[in-house]
Amino acid sequence: MTPDQERWAEAIAMHRMHGDRAVPWLAERVGELALIGDEAGVGRFREIAWRLEQLTTQGSVE
């Protein structure tokens, strides 16, 4: 599985785990990671959030 495929799978998993709260949960997580200086973590979760937004605006995970 490529890193891109992993991010898509993670976005779907976040939606399944958190439902309508997935986006706020991801935003909180990005903030927590930024506070501790984890730039790689911030990047990863931002990529997941972008994919989740793409899935939800296209109606692919509803």
PDB file of N, CA and C in Angstrom:
ATOM      1  N   MET A   1       0.855  -1.175   0.000  1.00  0.00           N
ATOM      2  CA  MET A   1       0.000   0.000   0.000  1.00  0.00           C
ATOM      3  C   MET A   1       0.903   1.241   0.000  1.00  0.00           C
ATOM      4  N   THR A   2       0.573   2.164  -0.867  1.00  0.00           N
ATOM      5  CA  THR A   2       1.361   3.392  -0.946  1.00  0.00           C
ATOM      6  C   THR A   2       0.959   4.354   0.177  1.00  0.00           C
ATOM      7  N   PRO A   3       1.805   5.343   0.474  1.00  0.00           N
ATOM      8  CA  PRO A   3       1.422   6.341   1.480  1.00  0.00           C
ATOM      9  C   PRO A   3       0.105   7.060   1.124  1.00  0.00           C
ATOM     10  N   ASP A   4      -0.113   7.316  -0.163  1.00  0.00           N
ATOM     11  CA  ASP A   4      -1.354   7.959  -0.584  1.00  0.00           C
ATOM     12  C   ASP A   4      -2.556   7.070  -0.283  1.00  0.00           C
ATOM     13  N   GLN A   5      -2.432   5.792  -0.567  1.00  0.00           N
ATOM     14  CA  GLN A   5      -3.515   4.855  -0.270  1.00  0.00           C
ATOM     15  C   GLN A   5      -3.751   4.761   1.239  1.00  0.00           C
ATOM     16  N   GLU A   6      -2.676   4.819   2.005  1.00  0.00           N
ATOM     17  CA  GLU A   6      -2.810   4.797   3.467  1.00  0.00           C
ATOM     18  C   GLU A   6      -3.609   5.998   3.957  1.00  0.00           C
ATOM     19  N   ARG A   7      -3.320   7.197   3.420  1.00  0.00           N
ATOM     20  CA  ARG A   7      -4.052   8.393   3.847  1.00  0.00           C
ATOM     21  C   ARG A   7      -5.533   8.282   3.517  1.00  0.00           C
ATOM     22  N   TRP A   8      -5.861   7.734   2.332  1.00  0.00           N
ATOM     23  CA  TRP A   8      -7.271   7.550   1.975  1.00  0.00           C
ATOM     24  C   TRP A   8      -7.942   6.576   2.938  1.00  0.00           C
ATOM     25  N   ALA A   9      -7.262   5.476   3.234  1.00  0.00           N
ATOM     26  CA  ALA A   9      -7.815   4.486   4.168  1.00  0.00           C
ATOM     27  C   ALA A   9      -8.002   5.101   5.554  1.00  0.00           C
ATOM     28  N   GLU A  10      -7.054   5.925   5.976  1.00  0.00           N
ATOM     29  CA  GLU A  10      -7.159   6.583   7.277  1.00  0.00           C
ATOM     30  C   GLU A  10      -8.326   7.572   7.305  1.00  0.00           C
ATOM     31  N   ALA A  11      -8.542   8.266   6.202  1.00  0.00           N
ATOM     32  CA  ALA A  11      -9.669   9.202   6.136  1.00  0.00           C
ATOM     33  C   ALA A  11     -10.995   8.460   6.282  1.00  0.00           C
ATOM     34  N   ILE A  12     -11.116   7.339   5.611  1.00  0.00           N
ATOM     35  CA  ILE A  12     -12.338   6.533   5.720  1.00  0.00           C
ATOM     36  C   ILE A  12     -12.492   6.014   7.150  1.00  0.00           C
ATOM     37  N   ALA A  13     -11.399   5.555   7.733  1.00  0.00           N
ATOM     38  CA  ALA A  13     -11.447   5.053   9.111  1.00  0.00           C
ATOM     39  C   ALA A  13     -11.851   6.154  10.091  1.00  0.00           C
ATOM     40  N   MET A  14     -11.334   7.352   9.898  1.00  0.00           N
ATOM     41  CA  MET A  14     -11.700   8.479  10.781  1.00  0.00           C
ATOM     42  C   MET A  14     -13.199   8.760  10.684  1.00  0.00           C
ATOM     43  N   HIS A  15     -13.716   8.701   9.474  1.00  0.00           N
ATOM     44  CA  HIS A  15     -15.146   8.941   9.304  1.00  0.00           C
ATOM     45  C   HIS A  15     -15.963   7.858   9.997  1.00  0.00           C
ATOM     46  N   ARG A  16     -15.530   6.630   9.873  1.00  0.00           N
ATOM     47  CA  ARG A  16     -16.252   5.521  10.516  1.00  0.00           C
ATOM     48  C   ARG A  16     -16.191   5.622  12.037  1.00  0.00           C
ATOM     49  N   MET A  17     -15.032   6.018  12.561  1.00  0.00           N
ATOM     50  CA  MET A  17     -14.855   6.097  14.016  1.00  0.00           C
ATOM     51  C   MET A  17     -15.536   7.315  14.632  1.00  0.00           C
ATOM     52  N   HIS A  18     -15.475   8.456  13.929  1.00  0.00           N
ATOM     53  CA  HIS A  18     -15.918   9.711  14.535  1.00  0.00           C
ATOM     54  C   HIS A  18     -17.154  10.332  13.885  1.00  0.00           C
ATOM     55  N   GLY A  19     -17.577   9.807  12.758  1.00  0.00           N
ATOM     56  CA  GLY A  19     -18.769  10.333  12.087  1.00  0.00           C
ATOM     57  C   GLY A  19     -18.668  11.818  11.810  1.00  0.00           C
ATOM     58  N   ASP A  20     -19.715  12.557  12.172  1.00  0.00           N
ATOM     59  CA  ASP A  20     -19.749  14.004  11.932  1.00  0.00           C
ATOM     60  C   ASP A  20     -18.703  14.763  12.741  1.00  0.00           C
ATOM     61  N   ARG A  21     -18.137  14.141  13.745  1.00  0.00           N
ATOM     62  CA  ARG A  21     -17.108  14.773  14.569  1.00  0.00           C
ATOM     63  C   ARG A  21     -15.698  14.538  14.031  1.00  0.00           C
ATOM     64  N   ALA A  22     -15.577  13.861  12.891  1.00  0.00           N
ATOM     65  CA  ALA A  22     -14.253  13.530  12.360  1.00  0.00           C
ATOM     66  C   ALA A  22     -13.425  14.776  12.046  1.00  0.00           C
ATOM     67  N   VAL A  23     -14.017  15.752  11.388  1.00  0.00           N
ATOM     68  CA  VAL A  23     -13.263  16.955  11.027  1.00  0.00           C
ATOM     69  C   VAL A  23     -12.817  17.723  12.270  1.00  0.00           C
ATOM     70  N   PRO A  24     -13.707  17.998  13.232  1.00  0.00           N
ATOM     71  CA  PRO A  24     -13.231  18.671  14.448  1.00  0.00           C
ATOM     72  C   PRO A  24     -12.189  17.850  15.206  1.00  0.00           C
ATOM     73  N   TRP A  25     -12.344  16.531  15.211  1.00  0.00           N
ATOM     74  CA  TRP A  25     -11.373  15.684  15.894  1.00  0.00           C
ATOM     75  C   TRP A  25     -10.003  15.806  15.236  1.00  0.00           C
ATOM     76  N   LEU A  26      -9.992  15.773  13.904  1.00  0.00           N
ATOM     77  CA  LEU A  26      -8.732  15.914  13.183  1.00  0.00           C
ATOM     78  C   LEU A  26      -8.111  17.284  13.425  1.00  0.00           C
ATOM     79  N   ALA A  27      -8.925  18.323  13.467  1.00  0.00           N
ATOM     80  CA  ALA A  27      -8.405  19.665  13.731  1.00  0.00           C
ATOM     81  C   ALA A  27      -7.768  19.740  15.119  1.00  0.00           C
ATOM     82  N   GLU A  28      -8.406  19.132  16.101  1.00  0.00           N
ATOM     83  CA  GLU A  28      -7.844  19.103  17.449  1.00  0.00           C
ATOM     84  C   GLU A  28      -6.516  18.356  17.454  1.00  0.00           C
ATOM     85  N   ARG A  29      -6.472  17.250  16.762  1.00  0.00           N
ATOM     86  CA  ARG A  29      -5.252  16.448  16.712  1.00  0.00           C
ATOM     87  C   ARG A  29      -4.123  17.230  16.047  1.00  0.00           C
ATOM     88  N   VAL A  30      -4.419  17.923  14.956  1.00  0.00           N
ATOM     89  CA  VAL A  30      -3.407  18.745  14.283  1.00  0.00           C
ATOM     90  C   VAL A  30      -2.879  19.804  15.252  1.00  0.00           C
ATOM     91  N   GLY A  31      -3.782  20.433  16.005  1.00  0.00           N
ATOM     92  CA  GLY A  31      -3.365  21.435  16.986  1.00  0.00           C
ATOM     93  C   GLY A  31      -2.461  20.853  18.059  1.00  0.00           C
ATOM     94  N   GLU A  32      -2.813  19.672  18.564  1.00  0.00           N
ATOM     95  CA  GLU A  32      -1.994  19.018  19.585  1.00  0.00           C
ATOM     96  C   GLU A  32      -0.597  18.708  19.052  1.00  0.00           C
ATOM     97  N   LEU A  33      -0.545  18.187  17.836  1.00  0.00           N
ATOM     98  CA  LEU A  33       0.739  17.846  17.243  1.00  0.00           C
ATOM     99  C   LEU A  33       1.577  19.098  16.967  1.00  0.00           C
ATOM    100  N   ALA A  34       0.918  20.173  16.549  1.00  0.00           N
ATOM    101  CA  ALA A  34       1.636  21.428  16.311  1.00  0.00           C
ATOM    102  C   ALA A  34       2.245  21.961  17.604  1.00  0.00           C
ATOM    103  N   LEU A  35       1.500  21.851  18.695  1.00  0.00           N
ATOM    104  CA  LEU A  35       2.004  22.341  19.982  1.00  0.00           C
ATOM    105  C   LEU A  35       3.258  21.611  20.437  1.00  0.00           C
ATOM    106  N   ILE A  36       3.369  20.341  20.100  1.00  0.00           N
ATOM    107  CA  ILE A  36       4.560  19.600  20.519  1.00  0.00           C
ATOM    108  C   ILE A  36       5.646  19.603  19.448  1.00  0.00           C
ATOM    109  N   GLY A  37       5.384  20.298  18.345  1.00  0.00           N
ATOM    110  CA  GLY A  37       6.389  20.447  17.298  1.00  0.00           C
ATOM    111  C   GLY A  37       6.540  19.243  16.377  1.00  0.00           C
ATOM    112  N   ASP A  38       5.528  18.413  16.284  1.00  0.00           N
ATOM    113  CA  ASP A  38       5.580  17.235  15.418  1.00  0.00           C
ATOM    114  C   ASP A  38       5.116  17.623  14.012  1.00  0.00           C
ATOM    115  N   GLU A  39       6.040  18.147  13.225  1.00  0.00           N
ATOM    116  CA  GLU A  39       5.690  18.617  11.885  1.00  0.00           C
ATOM    117  C   GLU A  39       5.243  17.488  10.966  1.00  0.00           C
ATOM    118  N   ALA A  40       5.864  16.325  11.095  1.00  0.00           N
ATOM    119  CA  ALA A  40       5.463  15.182  10.266  1.00  0.00           C
ATOM    120  C   ALA A  40       4.041  14.748  10.603  1.00  0.00           C
ATOM    121  N   GLY A  41       3.720  14.729  11.897  1.00  0.00           N
ATOM    122  CA  GLY A  41       2.371  14.370  12.327  1.00  0.00           C
ATOM    123  C   GLY A  41       1.341  15.369  11.845  1.00  0.00           C
ATOM    124  N   VAL A  42       1.682  16.648  11.929  1.00  0.00           N
ATOM    125  CA  VAL A  42       0.782  17.697  11.439  1.00  0.00           C
ATOM    126  C   VAL A  42       0.513  17.477   9.951  1.00  0.00           C
ATOM    127  N   GLY A  43       1.567  17.243   9.194  1.00  0.00           N
ATOM    128  CA  GLY A  43       1.409  17.021   7.758  1.00  0.00           C
ATOM    129  C   GLY A  43       0.541  15.821   7.452  1.00  0.00           C
ATOM    130  N   ARG A  44       0.775  14.742   8.184  1.00  0.00           N
ATOM    131  CA  ARG A  44      -0.005  13.524   7.952  1.00  0.00           C
ATOM    132  C   ARG A  44      -1.486  13.753   8.219  1.00  0.00           C
ATOM    133  N   PHE A  45      -1.802  14.346   9.364  1.00  0.00           N
ATOM    134  CA  PHE A  45      -3.208  14.544   9.708  1.00  0.00           C
ATOM    135  C   PHE A  45      -3.875  15.603   8.827  1.00  0.00           C
ATOM    136  N   ARG A  46      -3.116  16.562   8.337  1.00  0.00           N
ATOM    137  CA  ARG A  46      -3.688  17.522   7.384  1.00  0.00           C
ATOM    138  C   ARG A  46      -4.028  16.827   6.075  1.00  0.00           C
ATOM    139  N   GLU A  47      -3.160  15.889   5.658  1.00  0.00           N
ATOM    140  CA  GLU A  47      -3.444  15.118   4.444  1.00  0.00           C
ATOM    141  C   GLU A  47      -4.693  14.263   4.630  1.00  0.00           C
ATOM    142  N   ILE A  48      -4.828  13.661   5.786  1.00  0.00           N
ATOM    143  CA  ILE A  48      -6.023  12.856   6.079  1.00  0.00           C
ATOM    144  C   ILE A  48      -7.264  13.742   6.057  1.00  0.00           C
ATOM    145  N   ALA A  49      -7.172  14.907   6.693  1.00  0.00           N
ATOM    146  CA  ALA A  49      -8.314  15.830   6.740  1.00  0.00           C
ATOM    147  C   ALA A  49      -8.720  16.273   5.335  1.00  0.00           C
ATOM    148  N   TRP A  50      -7.743  16.541   4.479  1.00  0.00           N
ATOM    149  CA  TRP A  50      -8.055  16.955   3.105  1.00  0.00           C
ATOM    150  C   TRP A  50      -8.804  15.841   2.383  1.00  0.00           C
ATOM    151  N   ARG A  51      -8.332  14.620   2.550  1.00  0.00           N
ATOM    152  CA  ARG A  51      -8.996  13.484   1.891  1.00  0.00           C
ATOM    153  C   ARG A  51     -10.402  13.254   2.454  1.00  0.00           C
ATOM    154  N   LEU A  52     -10.534  13.403   3.752  1.00  0.00           N
ATOM    155  CA  LEU A  52     -11.860  13.259   4.350  1.00  0.00           C
ATOM    156  C   LEU A  52     -12.819  14.307   3.782  1.00  0.00           C
ATOM    157  N   GLU A  53     -12.334  15.530   3.635  1.00  0.00           N
ATOM    158  CA  GLU A  53     -13.173  16.580   3.044  1.00  0.00           C
ATOM    159  C   GLU A  53     -13.571  16.210   1.616  1.00  0.00           C
ATOM    160  N   GLN A  54     -12.636  15.680   0.842  1.00  0.00           N
ATOM    161  CA  GLN A  54     -12.943  15.269  -0.520  1.00  0.00           C
ATOM    162  C   GLN A  54     -14.012  14.170  -0.540  1.00  0.00           C
ATOM    163  N   LEU A  55     -13.865  13.210   0.348  1.00  0.00           N
ATOM    164  CA  LEU A  55     -14.834  12.106   0.402  1.00  0.00           C
ATOM    165  C   LEU A  55     -16.224  12.586   0.814  1.00  0.00           C
ATOM    166  N   THR A  56     -16.282  13.453   1.812  1.00  0.00           N
ATOM    167  CA  THR A  56     -17.583  13.883   2.305  1.00  0.00           C
ATOM    168  C   THR A  56     -18.274  14.866   1.367  1.00  0.00           C
ATOM    169  N   THR A  57     -17.508  15.715   0.681  1.00  0.00           N
ATOM    170  CA  THR A  57     -18.153  16.647  -0.245  1.00  0.00           C
ATOM    171  C   THR A  57     -18.627  15.941  -1.513  1.00  0.00           C
ATOM    172  N   GLN A  58     -18.024  14.810  -1.816  1.00  0.00           N
ATOM    173  CA  GLN A  58     -18.447  14.037  -2.985  1.00  0.00           C
ATOM    174  C   GLN A  58     -19.485  12.977  -2.606  1.00  0.00           C
ATOM    175  N   GLY A  59     -19.769  12.867  -1.307  1.00  0.00           N
ATOM    176  CA  GLY A  59     -20.754  11.898  -0.863  1.00  0.00           C
ATOM    177  C   GLY A  59     -20.283  10.455  -0.915  1.00  0.00           C
ATOM    178  N   SER A  60     -18.976  10.257  -0.910  1.00  0.00           N
ATOM    179  CA  SER A  60     -18.428   8.909  -1.065  1.00  0.00           C
ATOM    180  C   SER A  60     -18.434   8.075   0.209  1.00  0.00           C
ATOM    181  N   VAL A  61     -18.568   8.703   1.379  1.00  0.00           N
ATOM    182  CA  VAL A  61     -18.515   7.930   2.625  1.00  0.00           C
ATOM    183  C   VAL A  61     -19.814   8.030   3.421  1.00  0.00           C
ATOM    184  N   GLU A  62     -20.826   8.549   2.849  1.00  0.00           N
ATOM    185  CA  GLU A  62     -22.104   8.666   3.562  1.00  0.00           C
ATOM    186  C   GLU A  62     -22.794   7.396   3.524  1.00  0.00           C
TER     187      GLU A  62
END
